[in-house]
């Protein structure tokens, strides 16, 4: 019998913000995504995120969704 490995998604928004030296507030204003949504994503507390918000974040950082939410 093989072991089932559990994989979870963890948002990399915090490290992206640090790497690009941008605040949640400025990112929110720039891409028109609610600041609360970004804060929850950064804290890995977001239960649902609008696909348009994910697209805006990925486009801003020029990354794919798999880089924003890599499998751990």
Protein backbone atom coordinates (compact mmCIF):
# COMPACT_ATOMS: atom_id res chain seq x y z
CA UNK A 1 0.00 0.00 0.00
CA UNK A 2 1.41 3.38 -0.95
CA UNK A 3 1.37 6.42 1.26
CA UNK A 4 -0.83 9.29 0.22
CA UNK A 5 1.10 12.50 0.38
CA UNK A 6 -0.89 15.55 1.30
CA UNK A 7 -0.05 18.66 -0.62
CA UNK A 8 -1.31 22.07 0.26
CA UNK A 9 -1.33 25.42 -1.41
CA UNK A 10 0.48 28.26 0.24
CA UNK A 11 0.35 31.76 -1.18
CA UNK A 12 3.69 33.35 -2.01
CA UNK A 13 2.31 36.90 -2.03
CA UNK A 14 4.31 37.91 1.04
CA UNK A 15 7.63 37.02 -0.52
CA UNK A 16 6.62 38.67 -3.81
CA UNK A 17 5.76 41.90 -1.99
CA UNK A 18 9.13 41.84 -0.23
CA UNK A 19 11.06 40.98 -3.37
CA UNK A 20 9.39 43.76 -5.38
CA UNK A 21 9.44 46.21 -2.48
CA UNK A 22 5.77 47.09 -2.72
CA UNK A 23 3.20 47.38 0.06
CA UNK A 24 -0.19 45.73 0.09
CA UNK A 25 -1.72 49.23 0.01
CA UNK A 26 0.18 50.28 -3.12
CA UNK A 27 -0.44 46.95 -4.87
CA UNK A 28 -4.13 47.22 -4.04
CA UNK A 29 -4.37 50.69 -5.57
CA UNK A 30 -2.28 49.75 -8.61
CA UNK A 31 -4.20 46.61 -9.61
CA UNK A 32 -7.59 47.57 -8.13
CA UNK A 33 -7.86 44.56 -5.83
CA UNK A 34 -9.33 44.94 -2.34
CA UNK A 35 -6.65 45.41 0.30
CA UNK A 36 -8.41 42.96 2.63
CA UNK A 37 -8.26 40.26 -0.03
CA UNK A 38 -4.52 40.80 -0.45
CA UNK A 39 -3.98 40.76 3.32
CA UNK A 40 -5.86 37.47 3.68
CA UNK A 41 -3.91 35.98 0.80
CA UNK A 42 -0.61 37.06 2.33
CA UNK A 43 -1.61 35.47 5.66
CA UNK A 44 -2.87 32.29 3.92
CA UNK A 45 -6.34 32.98 5.33
CA UNK A 46 -8.17 33.54 2.04
CA UNK A 47 -10.89 30.95 1.53
CA UNK A 48 -12.04 32.25 -1.86
CA UNK A 49 -10.30 34.55 -4.29
CA UNK A 50 -11.85 35.95 -7.45
CA UNK A 51 -10.13 34.65 -10.58
CA UNK A 52 -9.86 38.23 -11.90
CA UNK A 53 -7.97 39.21 -8.74
CA UNK A 54 -5.58 36.28 -9.20
CA UNK A 55 -5.07 37.28 -12.82
CA UNK A 56 -4.35 40.90 -11.85
CA UNK A 57 -1.78 39.81 -9.25
CA UNK A 58 -0.07 37.38 -11.62
CA UNK A 59 0.02 39.96 -14.40
CA UNK A 60 1.51 42.58 -12.09
CA UNK A 61 4.32 40.29 -10.95
CA UNK A 62 4.64 38.65 -14.39
CA UNK A 63 4.21 35.18 -12.93
CA UNK A 64 1.94 32.21 -13.43
CA UNK A 65 -0.68 31.03 -10.98
CA UNK A 66 1.56 28.09 -10.02
CA UNK A 67 4.16 30.59 -8.80
CA UNK A 68 1.61 32.51 -6.72
CA UNK A 69 0.26 29.27 -5.21
CA UNK A 70 3.03 26.67 -5.47
CA UNK A 71 2.37 23.15 -4.22
CA UNK A 72 4.23 22.42 -0.98
